Amino acid sequence: MQKQESYTLEKGEATQEFDDDGQIKRTGTWMSASAHIITAVVGSGVLSLTWCLAQLGWIFGSFLLVVFAVISWYTCTLLTNCYRSPHPVTGARNYNYMQAVKTNLGGRQYIICAIAQYGTLIGVSIGYTITSSISMGAIKRSNCFKKYGHDKGCHTLNSPFLLIVACIELVLSQLPNFHKLSFLSIIAAIMSFVYSTIGMGLSIAKIAGETSFSLIIK
């Protein structure tokens, strides 16, 4: 059975357990893929993106939003075309971005891509760790204000929360096959929808409140 399977993989044919390039067969579905896309597109940056666009104004902000959407679509198309190499149908799959760069551009660009990708990963991890600790500290201060009033001060250090988040990240990073935990992507997608909905609700409430206040003054 194993000889037959090896012969099949050498010929580039798929089996029940392996793809045609010898890798373990993928188990993703349209639901898990949609959850990944939603988590990536509707990320935490959507909370600050609205503020940035508001500073640019309706015309220029909307124009840049369309421009970035076109750039995202174009880069996704390029990545899709580089998924198989060198032939788009029969070639071996490039399972990650660095592998696609190495196959299509060569060694030097591969090194530059590795430096940029890992540098971005480190920076994003640090940013999320700091943001999480600040958010946890803000929740603690909010509870303190609610309990003791705003005259209390309720000064809170973010350092303990920073250590807590960092330790949790270290533990989670040691889980085997972490990329196969599809339910995490679904939870992340739900969270993205939740805080986006909360942000939209707060914005509508603020606009409605300002409108009512202006009508009262008039």
N, C-alpha and C. Protein backbone atom coordinates (compact mmCIF):
# COMPACT_ATOMS: atom_id res chain seq x y z
N MET A 1 0.84 -1.21 0.00
CA MET A 1 0.00 0.00 0.00
C MET A 1 0.87 1.25 0.00
N GLN A 2 1.95 1.20 0.80
CA GLN A 2 2.82 2.36 0.88
C GLN A 2 3.58 2.56 -0.43
N LYS A 3 3.98 1.43 -1.08
CA LYS A 3 4.67 1.56 -2.36
C LYS A 3 3.75 2.16 -3.41
N GLN A 4 2.52 1.71 -3.41
CA GLN A 4 1.55 2.25 -4.36
C GLN A 4 1.33 3.74 -4.10
N GLU A 5 1.27 4.12 -2.81
CA GLU A 5 1.06 5.52 -2.46
C GLU A 5 2.26 6.36 -2.88
N SER A 6 3.48 5.85 -2.66
CA SER A 6 4.68 6.57 -3.06
C SER A 6 4.72 6.75 -4.56
N TYR A 7 4.38 5.69 -5.28
CA TYR A 7 4.37 5.76 -6.74
C TYR A 7 3.34 6.78 -7.23
N THR A 8 2.21 6.81 -6.55
CA THR A 8 1.16 7.77 -6.92
C THR A 8 1.62 9.20 -6.70
N LEU A 9 2.30 9.47 -5.57
CA LEU A 9 2.76 10.81 -5.27
C LEU A 9 3.86 11.23 -6.24
N GLU A 10 4.71 10.28 -6.65
CA GLU A 10 5.75 10.60 -7.61
C GLU A 10 5.15 11.01 -8.95
N LYS A 11 4.02 10.42 -9.29
CA LYS A 11 3.34 10.76 -10.53
C LYS A 11 2.57 12.08 -10.43
N GLY A 12 2.46 12.60 -9.22
CA GLY A 12 1.74 13.87 -9.04
C GLY A 12 0.25 13.69 -8.95
N GLU A 13 -0.21 12.55 -8.45
CA GLU A 13 -1.63 12.31 -8.32
C GLU A 13 -2.03 12.40 -6.85
N ALA A 14 -3.25 12.83 -6.59
CA ALA A 14 -3.73 12.99 -5.22
C ALA A 14 -4.29 11.68 -4.70
N THR A 15 -4.16 11.47 -3.38
CA THR A 15 -4.75 10.32 -2.71
C THR A 15 -5.72 10.83 -1.66
N GLN A 16 -6.26 9.91 -0.86
CA GLN A 16 -7.22 10.32 0.16
C GLN A 16 -6.55 11.08 1.29
N GLU A 17 -5.26 10.84 1.56
CA GLU A 17 -4.58 11.48 2.68
C GLU A 17 -3.63 12.59 2.24
N PHE A 18 -3.16 12.56 0.98
CA PHE A 18 -2.16 13.51 0.53
C PHE A 18 -2.62 14.20 -0.75
N ASP A 19 -2.12 15.45 -0.94
CA ASP A 19 -2.36 16.15 -2.18
C ASP A 19 -1.38 15.66 -3.24
N ASP A 20 -1.49 16.22 -4.45
CA ASP A 20 -0.66 15.75 -5.54
C ASP A 20 0.80 16.15 -5.42
N ASP A 21 1.14 17.03 -4.44
CA ASP A 21 2.54 17.39 -4.24
C ASP A 21 3.14 16.75 -2.99
N GLY A 22 2.44 15.76 -2.43
CA GLY A 22 2.99 15.02 -1.30
C GLY A 22 2.66 15.60 0.06
N GLN A 23 2.04 16.77 0.12
CA GLN A 23 1.67 17.37 1.39
C GLN A 23 0.34 16.77 1.88
N ILE A 24 0.12 16.86 3.20
CA ILE A 24 -1.12 16.35 3.77
C ILE A 24 -2.30 17.12 3.18
N LYS A 25 -3.35 16.40 2.83
CA LYS A 25 -4.50 17.00 2.16
C LYS A 25 -5.12 18.09 3.03
N ARG A 26 -5.46 19.19 2.41
CA ARG A 26 -6.04 20.33 3.12
C ARG A 26 -7.47 20.03 3.54
N THR A 27 -7.85 20.60 4.66
CA THR A 27 -9.19 20.33 5.21
C THR A 27 -10.03 21.60 5.36
N GLY A 28 -9.57 22.70 4.77
CA GLY A 28 -10.30 23.95 4.89
C GLY A 28 -11.62 23.93 4.13
N THR A 29 -12.56 24.71 4.61
CA THR A 29 -13.87 24.84 3.97
C THR A 29 -14.13 26.31 3.65
N TRP A 30 -15.21 26.56 2.94
CA TRP A 30 -15.55 27.95 2.62
C TRP A 30 -15.86 28.74 3.88
N MET A 31 -16.36 28.05 4.91
CA MET A 31 -16.67 28.76 6.16
C MET A 31 -15.40 29.17 6.90
N SER A 32 -14.42 28.26 6.99
CA SER A 32 -13.17 28.60 7.67
C SER A 32 -12.41 29.66 6.87
N ALA A 33 -12.43 29.55 5.53
CA ALA A 33 -11.76 30.56 4.70
C ALA A 33 -12.41 31.93 4.88
N SER A 34 -13.75 31.96 4.91
CA SER A 34 -14.45 33.23 5.12
C SER A 34 -14.13 33.82 6.48
N ALA A 35 -14.02 32.95 7.50
CA ALA A 35 -13.68 33.42 8.84
C ALA A 35 -12.28 34.04 8.85
N HIS A 36 -11.33 33.42 8.15
CA HIS A 36 -9.97 33.98 8.07
C HIS A 36 -9.99 35.34 7.37
N ILE A 37 -10.74 35.44 6.28
CA ILE A 37 -10.79 36.70 5.54
C ILE A 37 -11.43 37.80 6.37
N ILE A 38 -12.52 37.48 7.04
CA ILE A 38 -13.20 38.48 7.88
C ILE A 38 -12.29 38.94 9.01
N THR A 39 -11.59 37.98 9.63
CA THR A 39 -10.69 38.33 10.73
C THR A 39 -9.56 39.23 10.26
N ALA A 40 -9.06 38.96 9.04
CA ALA A 40 -7.96 39.76 8.52
C ALA A 40 -8.42 41.15 8.08
N VAL A 41 -9.58 41.21 7.40
CA VAL A 41 -10.05 42.49 6.86
C VAL A 41 -10.70 43.33 7.95
N VAL A 42 -11.60 42.72 8.73
CA VAL A 42 -12.29 43.44 9.80
C VAL A 42 -11.51 43.21 11.10
N GLY A 43 -10.27 43.64 11.12
CA GLY A 43 -9.44 43.49 12.30
C GLY A 43 -9.60 44.66 13.25
N SER A 44 -8.71 44.70 14.24
CA SER A 44 -8.79 45.78 15.22
C SER A 44 -8.47 47.13 14.58
N GLY A 45 -7.79 47.13 13.43
CA GLY A 45 -7.47 48.38 12.76
C GLY A 45 -8.68 49.13 12.27
N VAL A 46 -9.82 48.43 12.16
CA VAL A 46 -11.03 49.11 11.68
C VAL A 46 -11.48 50.18 12.66
N LEU A 47 -11.10 50.05 13.93
CA LEU A 47 -11.48 51.05 14.93
C LEU A 47 -10.73 52.36 14.73
N SER A 48 -9.46 52.27 14.35
CA SER A 48 -8.68 53.49 14.11
C SER A 48 -8.81 53.98 12.67
N LEU A 49 -9.17 53.07 11.75
CA LEU A 49 -9.30 53.46 10.34
C LEU A 49 -10.38 54.51 10.16
N THR A 50 -11.49 54.37 10.86
CA THR A 50 -12.58 55.34 10.71
C THR A 50 -12.14 56.73 11.15
N TRP A 51 -11.36 56.80 12.23
CA TRP A 51 -10.86 58.10 12.71
C TRP A 51 -9.93 58.73 11.68
N CYS A 52 -9.05 57.92 11.09
CA CYS A 52 -8.11 58.44 10.09
C CYS A 52 -8.85 58.97 8.87
N LEU A 53 -9.85 58.23 8.41
CA LEU A 53 -10.61 58.68 7.26
C LEU A 53 -11.41 59.94 7.58
N ALA A 54 -11.89 60.03 8.82
CA ALA A 54 -12.64 61.23 9.22
C ALA A 54 -11.75 62.47 9.19
N GLN A 55 -10.46 62.31 9.50
CA GLN A 55 -9.55 63.46 9.46
C GLN A 55 -9.29 63.91 8.03
N LEU A 56 -9.41 62.99 7.08
CA LEU A 56 -9.16 63.33 5.68
C LEU A 56 -10.37 63.96 5.01
N GLY A 57 -11.55 63.73 5.57
CA GLY A 57 -12.76 64.27 4.98
C GLY A 57 -13.47 63.24 4.10
N TRP A 58 -14.71 63.57 3.72
CA TRP A 58 -15.53 62.64 2.97
C TRP A 58 -14.94 62.33 1.59
N ILE A 59 -14.47 63.35 0.88
CA ILE A 59 -14.02 63.15 -0.50
C ILE A 59 -12.69 62.40 -0.54
N PHE A 60 -11.66 62.98 0.08
CA PHE A 60 -10.33 62.39 0.01
C PHE A 60 -10.28 61.07 0.79
N GLY A 61 -10.98 60.99 1.92
CA GLY A 61 -11.00 59.75 2.70
C GLY A 61 -11.67 58.62 1.94
N SER A 62 -12.81 58.88 1.31
CA SER A 62 -13.50 57.87 0.52
C SER A 62 -12.66 57.45 -0.69
N PHE A 63 -11.97 58.42 -1.30
CA PHE A 63 -11.12 58.11 -2.44
C PHE A 63 -9.98 57.17 -2.04
N LEU A 64 -9.32 57.47 -0.93
CA LEU A 64 -8.23 56.60 -0.47
C LEU A 64 -8.74 55.22 -0.06
N LEU A 65 -9.95 55.15 0.49
CA LEU A 65 -10.53 53.86 0.85
C LEU A 65 -10.70 52.98 -0.40
N VAL A 66 -11.17 53.59 -1.49
CA VAL A 66 -11.32 52.85 -2.74
C VAL A 66 -9.95 52.45 -3.29
N VAL A 67 -8.97 53.35 -3.20
CA VAL A 67 -7.62 53.05 -3.70
C VAL A 67 -7.02 51.86 -2.96
N PHE A 68 -7.12 51.86 -1.64
CA PHE A 68 -6.56 50.76 -0.86
C PHE A 68 -7.31 49.45 -1.12
N ALA A 69 -8.61 49.55 -1.40
CA ALA A 69 -9.38 48.36 -1.73
C ALA A 69 -8.89 47.76 -3.05
N VAL A 70 -8.62 48.61 -4.04
CA VAL A 70 -8.10 48.14 -5.32
C VAL A 70 -6.72 47.52 -5.15
N ILE A 71 -5.87 48.15 -4.34
CA ILE A 71 -4.53 47.60 -4.09
C ILE A 71 -4.62 46.24 -3.42
N SER A 72 -5.52 46.10 -2.44
CA SER A 72 -5.70 44.81 -1.76
C SER A 72 -6.18 43.75 -2.74
N TRP A 73 -7.14 44.11 -3.59
CA TRP A 73 -7.64 43.16 -4.60
C TRP A 73 -6.53 42.74 -5.55
N TYR A 74 -5.70 43.69 -6.00
CA TYR A 74 -4.63 43.39 -6.96
C TYR A 74 -3.58 42.48 -6.33
N THR A 75 -3.17 42.77 -5.10
CA THR A 75 -2.16 41.94 -4.44
C THR A 75 -2.70 40.53 -4.16
N CYS A 76 -3.98 40.44 -3.82
CA CYS A 76 -4.58 39.10 -3.62
C CYS A 76 -4.59 38.32 -4.93
N THR A 77 -4.83 39.00 -6.05
CA THR A 77 -4.79 38.34 -7.35
C THR A 77 -3.39 37.84 -7.67
N LEU A 78 -2.37 38.65 -7.35
CA LEU A 78 -0.99 38.23 -7.58
C LEU A 78 -0.64 37.00 -6.75
N LEU A 79 -1.06 37.01 -5.48
CA LEU A 79 -0.78 35.85 -4.62
C LEU A 79 -1.49 34.60 -5.13
N THR A 80 -2.71 34.78 -5.63
CA THR A 80 -3.44 33.63 -6.16
C THR A 80 -2.74 33.04 -7.37
N ASN A 81 -2.23 33.93 -8.23
CA ASN A 81 -1.52 33.45 -9.42
C ASN A 81 -0.19 32.78 -9.08
N CYS A 82 0.37 33.12 -7.92
CA CYS A 82 1.64 32.52 -7.50
C CYS A 82 1.44 31.29 -6.62
N TYR A 83 0.20 30.85 -6.46
CA TYR A 83 -0.06 29.73 -5.55
C TYR A 83 0.60 28.45 -6.02
N ARG A 84 0.56 28.21 -7.33
CA ARG A 84 1.25 27.05 -7.90
C ARG A 84 2.44 27.52 -8.73
N SER A 85 3.51 26.76 -8.71
CA SER A 85 4.70 27.16 -9.44
C SER A 85 5.38 25.94 -10.05
N PRO A 86 6.00 26.10 -11.25
CA PRO A 86 5.89 27.30 -12.08
C PRO A 86 4.61 27.34 -12.90
N HIS A 87 3.98 26.18 -13.05
CA HIS A 87 2.75 26.12 -13.84
C HIS A 87 1.57 26.37 -12.93
N PRO A 88 0.60 27.23 -13.32
CA PRO A 88 -0.52 27.57 -12.43
C PRO A 88 -1.48 26.43 -12.14
N VAL A 89 -1.37 25.31 -12.87
CA VAL A 89 -2.30 24.19 -12.66
C VAL A 89 -1.58 22.95 -12.15
N THR A 90 -0.50 22.58 -12.83
CA THR A 90 0.18 21.32 -12.48
C THR A 90 1.38 21.51 -11.58
N GLY A 91 1.81 22.72 -11.31
CA GLY A 91 2.99 22.95 -10.49
C GLY A 91 2.73 22.69 -9.02
N ALA A 92 3.84 22.58 -8.25
CA ALA A 92 3.72 22.36 -6.81
C ALA A 92 3.14 23.60 -6.13
N ARG A 93 2.44 23.38 -5.02
CA ARG A 93 1.81 24.49 -4.32
C ARG A 93 2.83 25.25 -3.48
N ASN A 94 2.69 26.58 -3.44
CA ASN A 94 3.45 27.41 -2.52
C ASN A 94 2.56 27.67 -1.31
N TYR A 95 2.88 27.06 -0.19
CA TYR A 95 1.97 27.09 0.95
C TYR A 95 2.10 28.34 1.80
N ASN A 96 3.10 29.18 1.55
CA ASN A 96 3.21 30.43 2.29
C ASN A 96 3.81 31.50 1.38
N TYR A 97 3.78 32.71 1.87
CA TYR A 97 4.21 33.86 1.06
C TYR A 97 5.69 33.79 0.74
N MET A 98 6.52 33.44 1.72
CA MET A 98 7.96 33.38 1.50
C MET A 98 8.32 32.31 0.48
N GLN A 99 7.62 31.20 0.50
CA GLN A 99 7.88 30.15 -0.47
C GLN A 99 7.55 30.62 -1.89
N ALA A 100 6.48 31.38 -2.03
CA ALA A 100 6.13 31.93 -3.34
C ALA A 100 7.19 32.91 -3.84
N VAL A 101 7.71 33.75 -2.94
CA VAL A 101 8.75 34.70 -3.31
C VAL A 101 10.02 33.97 -3.72
N LYS A 102 10.39 32.93 -2.97
CA LYS A 102 11.60 32.17 -3.29
C LYS A 102 11.49 31.48 -4.63
N THR A 103 10.31 30.94 -4.94
CA THR A 103 10.12 30.22 -6.19
C THR A 103 10.14 31.15 -7.39
N ASN A 104 9.54 32.33 -7.26
CA ASN A 104 9.35 33.21 -8.41
C ASN A 104 10.43 34.28 -8.55
N LEU A 105 11.06 34.71 -7.46
CA LEU A 105 12.00 35.82 -7.53
C LEU A 105 13.44 35.43 -7.21
N GLY A 106 13.65 34.36 -6.45
CA GLY A 106 15.01 33.94 -6.18
C GLY A 106 15.48 34.23 -4.77
N GLY A 107 16.79 33.99 -4.54
CA GLY A 107 17.36 33.98 -3.20
C GLY A 107 17.41 35.32 -2.50
N ARG A 108 17.91 36.37 -3.17
CA ARG A 108 18.09 37.66 -2.49
C ARG A 108 16.74 38.25 -2.08
N GLN A 109 15.78 38.22 -2.99
CA GLN A 109 14.45 38.72 -2.66
C GLN A 109 13.81 37.90 -1.56
N TYR A 110 14.14 36.61 -1.51
CA TYR A 110 13.62 35.74 -0.46
C TYR A 110 14.13 36.18 0.91
N ILE A 111 15.40 36.54 0.97
CA ILE A 111 15.99 37.00 2.24
C ILE A 111 15.37 38.34 2.66
N ILE A 112 15.22 39.24 1.70
CA ILE A 112 14.60 40.53 2.00
C ILE A 112 13.16 40.34 2.48
N CYS A 113 12.45 39.42 1.82
CA CYS A 113 11.06 39.14 2.21
C CYS A 113 11.01 38.56 3.62
N ALA A 114 11.96 37.66 3.96
CA ALA A 114 11.99 37.07 5.29
C ALA A 114 12.22 38.14 6.36
N ILE A 115 13.15 39.05 6.10
CA ILE A 115 13.44 40.12 7.06
C ILE A 115 12.20 41.01 7.25
N ALA A 116 11.57 41.38 6.13
CA ALA A 116 10.38 42.25 6.21
C ALA A 116 9.23 41.54 6.90
N GLN A 117 9.00 40.26 6.55
CA GLN A 117 7.85 39.54 7.11
C GLN A 117 8.02 39.28 8.60
N TYR A 118 9.20 38.83 9.02
CA TYR A 118 9.40 38.57 10.44
C TYR A 118 9.48 39.86 11.24
N GLY A 119 10.02 40.91 10.63
CA GLY A 119 10.03 42.21 11.31
C GLY A 119 8.61 42.73 11.54
N THR A 120 7.76 42.57 10.52
CA THR A 120 6.36 42.97 10.66
C THR A 120 5.65 42.12 11.71
N LEU A 121 5.94 40.81 11.71
CA LEU A 121 5.32 39.92 12.69
C LEU A 121 5.69 40.30 14.12
N ILE A 122 6.97 40.62 14.33
CA ILE A 122 7.41 41.03 15.66
C ILE A 122 6.75 42.35 16.06
N GLY A 123 6.71 43.30 15.13
CA GLY A 123 6.10 44.59 15.43
C GLY A 123 4.61 44.48 15.73
N VAL A 124 3.91 43.67 14.96
CA VAL A 124 2.47 43.48 15.19
C VAL A 124 2.23 42.79 16.53
N SER A 125 3.06 41.81 16.86
CA SER A 125 2.91 41.12 18.15
C SER A 125 3.11 42.07 19.32
N ILE A 126 4.13 42.92 19.21
CA ILE A 126 4.37 43.90 20.27
C ILE A 126 3.20 44.88 20.36
N GLY A 127 2.72 45.32 19.21
CA GLY A 127 1.60 46.26 19.20
C GLY A 127 0.34 45.68 19.82
N TYR A 128 0.02 44.43 19.48
CA TYR A 128 -1.17 43.80 20.05
C TYR A 128 -1.01 43.57 21.55
N THR A 129 0.21 43.22 21.98
CA THR A 129 0.45 43.01 23.41
C THR A 129 0.25 44.30 24.19
N ILE A 130 0.80 45.40 23.69
CA ILE A 130 0.65 46.69 24.37
C ILE A 130 -0.81 47.14 24.35
N THR A 131 -1.47 46.98 23.19
CA THR A 131 -2.86 47.40 23.08
C THR A 131 -3.76 46.60 24.02
N SER A 132 -3.50 45.29 24.12
CA SER A 132 -4.30 44.45 25.02
C SER A 132 -4.12 44.86 26.47
N SER A 133 -2.88 45.14 26.86
CA SER A 133 -2.64 45.54 28.25
C SER A 133 -3.28 46.90 28.55
N ILE A 134 -3.22 47.83 27.60
CA ILE A 134 -3.86 49.14 27.81
C ILE A 134 -5.38 48.98 27.93
N SER A 135 -5.95 48.10 27.11
CA SER A 135 -7.40 47.87 27.16
C SER A 135 -7.81 47.25 28.49
N MET A 136 -7.03 46.29 28.99
CA MET A 136 -7.33 45.67 30.28
C MET A 136 -7.22 46.70 31.41
N GLY A 137 -6.20 47.57 31.32
CA GLY A 137 -6.08 48.63 32.31
C GLY A 137 -7.23 49.61 32.26
N ALA A 138 -7.72 49.91 31.04
CA ALA A 138 -8.85 50.82 30.89
C ALA A 138 -10.12 50.22 31.49
N ILE A 139 -10.30 48.90 31.35
CA ILE A 139 -11.47 48.25 31.96
C ILE A 139 -11.40 48.33 33.48
N LYS A 140 -10.20 48.13 34.02
CA LYS A 140 -10.04 48.21 35.48
C LYS A 140 -10.33 49.63 35.97
N ARG A 141 -9.83 50.64 35.27
CA ARG A 141 -10.10 52.03 35.67
C ARG A 141 -11.58 52.36 35.55
N SER A 142 -12.22 51.84 34.50
CA SER A 142 -13.65 52.09 34.34
C SER A 142 -14.45 51.51 35.51
N ASN A 143 -14.09 50.29 35.93
CA ASN A 143 -14.76 49.69 37.08
C ASN A 143 -14.50 50.48 38.36
N CYS A 144 -13.28 51.01 38.48
CA CYS A 144 -12.95 51.81 39.66
C CYS A 144 -13.75 53.12 39.68
N PHE A 145 -13.87 53.77 38.52
CA PHE A 145 -14.66 55.00 38.45
C PHE A 145 -16.12 54.73 38.79
N LYS A 146 -16.62 53.59 38.32
CA LYS A 146 -18.01 53.25 38.59
C LYS A 146 -18.24 52.97 40.07
N LYS A 147 -17.23 52.44 40.73
CA LYS A 147 -17.38 52.07 42.14
C LYS A 147 -17.11 53.23 43.09
N TYR A 148 -16.05 54.03 42.79
CA TYR A 148 -15.64 55.07 43.72
C TYR A 148 -15.88 56.49 43.21
N GLY A 149 -16.24 56.63 41.94
CA GLY A 149 -16.44 57.96 41.38
C GLY A 149 -15.18 58.48 40.71
N HIS A 150 -15.33 59.53 39.90
CA HIS A 150 -14.20 60.06 39.13
C HIS A 150 -13.23 60.86 40.00
N ASP A 151 -13.59 61.21 41.20
CA ASP A 151 -12.68 61.95 42.07
C ASP A 151 -11.59 61.07 42.65
N LYS A 152 -11.75 59.76 42.56
CA LYS A 152 -10.80 58.82 43.14
C LYS A 152 -9.47 58.83 42.40
N GLY A 153 -9.48 59.09 41.12
CA GLY A 153 -8.24 59.05 40.33
C GLY A 153 -8.07 57.72 39.62
N CYS A 154 -8.07 56.63 40.41
CA CYS A 154 -8.03 55.27 39.86
C CYS A 154 -6.86 55.07 38.90
N HIS A 155 -5.65 55.43 39.35
CA HIS A 155 -4.46 55.21 38.52
C HIS A 155 -4.13 53.72 38.48
N THR A 156 -3.89 53.21 37.29
CA THR A 156 -3.64 51.78 37.10
C THR A 156 -2.38 51.59 36.26
N LEU A 157 -1.50 50.72 36.72
CA LEU A 157 -0.30 50.38 35.96
C LEU A 157 -0.64 49.32 34.92
N ASN A 158 -0.12 49.50 33.72
CA ASN A 158 -0.36 48.54 32.65
C ASN A 158 0.65 47.41 32.63
N SER A 159 1.74 47.55 33.41
CA SER A 159 2.81 46.54 33.38
C SER A 159 2.34 45.14 33.78
N PRO A 160 1.54 44.98 34.86
CA PRO A 160 1.07 43.62 35.19
C PRO A 160 0.24 42.99 34.08
N PHE A 161 -0.62 43.79 33.45
CA PHE A 161 -1.43 43.26 32.35
C PHE A 161 -0.56 42.92 31.14
N LEU A 162 0.52 43.70 30.94
CA LEU A 162 1.45 43.41 29.85
C LEU A 162 2.10 42.05 30.04
N LEU A 163 2.50 41.75 31.27
CA LEU A 163 3.12 40.45 31.58
C LEU A 163 2.10 39.32 31.42
N ILE A 164 0.86 39.56 31.83
CA ILE A 164 -0.18 38.53 31.72
C ILE A 164 -0.42 38.17 30.26
N VAL A 165 -0.59 39.19 29.41
CA VAL A 165 -0.84 38.94 27.99
C VAL A 165 0.35 38.25 27.34
N ALA A 166 1.57 38.68 27.69
CA ALA A 166 2.78 38.07 27.12
C ALA A 166 2.89 36.59 27.51
N CYS A 167 2.58 36.27 28.76
CA CYS A 167 2.63 34.88 29.21
C CYS A 167 1.58 34.03 28.49
N ILE A 168 0.39 34.58 28.31
CA ILE A 168 -0.66 33.84 27.58
C ILE A 168 -0.23 33.58 26.14
N GLU A 169 0.40 34.58 25.51
CA GLU A 169 0.86 34.41 24.14
C GLU A 169 1.95 33.35 24.05
N LEU A 170 2.85 33.32 25.04
CA LEU A 170 3.91 32.30 25.05
C LEU A 170 3.33 30.90 25.18
N VAL A 171 2.32 30.76 26.02
CA VAL A 171 1.70 29.44 26.21
C VAL A 171 0.97 29.00 24.95
N LEU A 172 0.20 29.91 24.37
CA LEU A 172 -0.56 29.57 23.17
C LEU A 172 0.34 29.27 21.98
N SER A 173 1.50 29.93 21.91
CA SER A 173 2.42 29.71 20.79
C SER A 173 3.03 28.32 20.81
N GLN A 174 2.95 27.62 21.94
CA GLN A 174 3.52 26.27 22.03
C GLN A 174 2.52 25.18 21.67
N LEU A 175 1.28 25.55 21.39
CA LEU A 175 0.28 24.54 21.04
C LEU A 175 0.61 23.94 19.68
N PRO A 176 0.60 22.61 19.55
CA PRO A 176 0.86 21.98 18.25
C PRO A 176 -0.31 22.18 17.29
N ASN A 177 0.03 22.32 16.01
CA ASN A 177 -0.98 22.47 14.96
C ASN A 177 -1.96 23.60 15.27
N PHE A 178 -1.41 24.71 15.74
CA PHE A 178 -2.26 25.85 16.12
C PHE A 178 -3.02 26.39 14.90
N HIS A 179 -2.41 26.25 13.71
CA HIS A 179 -3.04 26.78 12.51
C HIS A 179 -4.24 25.95 12.08
N LYS A 180 -4.42 24.78 12.68
CA LYS A 180 -5.54 23.93 12.32
C LYS A 180 -6.75 24.11 13.24
N LEU A 181 -6.64 24.99 14.22
CA LEU A 181 -7.75 25.23 15.15
C LEU A 181 -8.72 26.21 14.49
N SER A 182 -9.59 25.67 13.64
CA SER A 182 -10.46 26.54 12.84
C SER A 182 -11.47 27.29 13.70
N PHE A 183 -11.83 26.72 14.86
CA PHE A 183 -12.84 27.40 15.68
C PHE A 183 -12.33 28.73 16.20
N LEU A 184 -10.98 28.88 16.33
CA LEU A 184 -10.43 30.15 16.77
C LEU A 184 -10.69 31.25 15.75
N SER A 185 -10.60 30.88 14.47
CA SER A 185 -10.88 31.86 13.42
C SER A 185 -12.34 32.27 13.44
N ILE A 186 -13.22 31.32 13.70
CA ILE A 186 -14.65 31.64 13.77
C ILE A 186 -14.92 32.57 14.96
N ILE A 187 -14.30 32.27 16.12
CA ILE A 187 -14.45 33.14 17.29
C ILE A 187 -13.91 34.53 17.00
N ALA A 188 -12.73 34.59 16.34
CA ALA A 188 -12.13 35.89 16.02
C ALA A 188 -13.02 36.68 15.06
N ALA A 189 -13.63 35.98 14.10
CA ALA A 189 -14.54 36.66 13.16
C ALA A 189 -15.75 37.22 13.89
N ILE A 190 -16.29 36.44 14.82
CA ILE A 190 -17.43 36.91 15.61
C ILE A 190 -17.04 38.13 16.44
N MET A 191 -15.85 38.09 17.04
CA MET A 191 -15.38 39.23 17.83
C MET A 191 -15.22 40.47 16.96
N SER A 192 -14.71 40.28 15.74
CA SER A 192 -14.55 41.42 14.83
C SER A 192 -15.89 42.06 14.53
N PHE A 193 -16.90 41.23 14.27
CA PHE A 193 -18.23 41.75 14.03
C PHE A 193 -18.78 42.45 15.27
N VAL A 194 -18.51 41.89 16.45
CA VAL A 194 -19.06 42.44 17.68
C VAL A 194 -18.51 43.82 17.96
N TYR A 195 -17.16 43.98 17.96
CA TYR A 195 -16.66 45.31 18.32
C TYR A 195 -16.84 46.30 17.17
N SER A 196 -16.96 45.82 15.94
CA SER A 196 -17.31 46.74 14.86
C SER A 196 -18.74 47.24 15.02
N THR A 197 -19.65 46.35 15.42
CA THR A 197 -21.04 46.73 15.67
C THR A 197 -21.13 47.68 16.85
N ILE A 198 -20.36 47.41 17.91
CA ILE A 198 -20.34 48.31 19.07
C ILE A 198 -19.85 49.70 18.67
N GLY A 199 -18.76 49.73 17.89
CA GLY A 199 -18.23 51.02 17.43
C GLY A 199 -19.24 51.77 16.58
N MET A 200 -19.93 51.05 15.69
CA MET A 200 -20.94 51.69 14.85
C MET A 200 -22.11 52.20 15.70
N GLY A 201 -22.52 51.41 16.69
CA GLY A 201 -23.61 51.84 17.57
C GLY A 201 -23.25 53.07 18.38
N LEU A 202 -22.02 53.10 18.91
CA LEU A 202 -21.58 54.27 19.67
C LEU A 202 -21.50 55.51 18.78
N SER A 203 -21.06 55.32 17.53
CA SER A 203 -20.99 56.45 16.61
C SER A 203 -22.37 57.00 16.30
N ILE A 204 -23.33 56.09 16.06
CA ILE A 204 -24.71 56.54 15.79
C ILE A 204 -25.29 57.25 17.00
N ALA A 205 -25.02 56.71 18.21
CA ALA A 205 -25.52 57.34 19.43
C ALA A 205 -24.92 58.73 19.62
N LYS A 206 -23.62 58.86 19.31
CA LYS A 206 -22.98 60.17 19.47
C LYS A 206 -23.54 61.18 18.48
N ILE A 207 -23.72 60.74 17.23
CA ILE A 207 -24.27 61.66 16.21
C ILE A 207 -25.70 62.05 16.58
N ALA A 208 -26.49 61.07 17.02
CA ALA A 208 -27.87 61.37 17.42
C ALA A 208 -27.90 62.30 18.62
N GLY A 209 -26.99 62.11 19.57
CA GLY A 209 -26.93 62.97 20.75
C GLY A 209 -26.55 64.38 20.40
N GLU A 210 -25.57 64.56 19.53
CA GLU A 210 -25.15 65.90 19.12
C GLU A 210 -26.27 66.60 18.33
N THR A 211 -26.96 65.82 17.50
CA THR A 211 -28.07 66.40 16.74
C THR A 211 -29.19 66.88 17.64
N SER A 212 -29.52 66.05 18.65
CA SER A 212 -30.57 66.44 19.60
C SER A 212 -30.16 67.65 20.41
N PHE A 213 -28.87 67.71 20.80
CA PHE A 213 -28.38 68.84 21.58
C PHE A 213 -28.44 70.12 20.76
N SER A 214 -28.08 70.04 19.46
CA SER A 214 -28.12 71.22 18.63
C SER A 214 -29.55 71.71 18.40
N LEU A 215 -30.50 70.76 18.31
CA LEU A 215 -31.90 71.14 18.14
C LEU A 215 -32.43 71.82 19.38
N ILE A 216 -31.98 71.34 20.57
CA ILE A 216 -32.42 71.96 21.82
C ILE A 216 -31.92 73.40 21.91
N ILE A 217 -30.66 73.61 21.51
CA ILE A 217 -30.10 74.95 21.55
C ILE A 217 -30.85 75.89 20.62
N LYS A 218 -31.16 75.40 19.43
CA LYS A 218 -31.91 76.24 18.49
C LYS A 218 -33.30 76.55 18.99
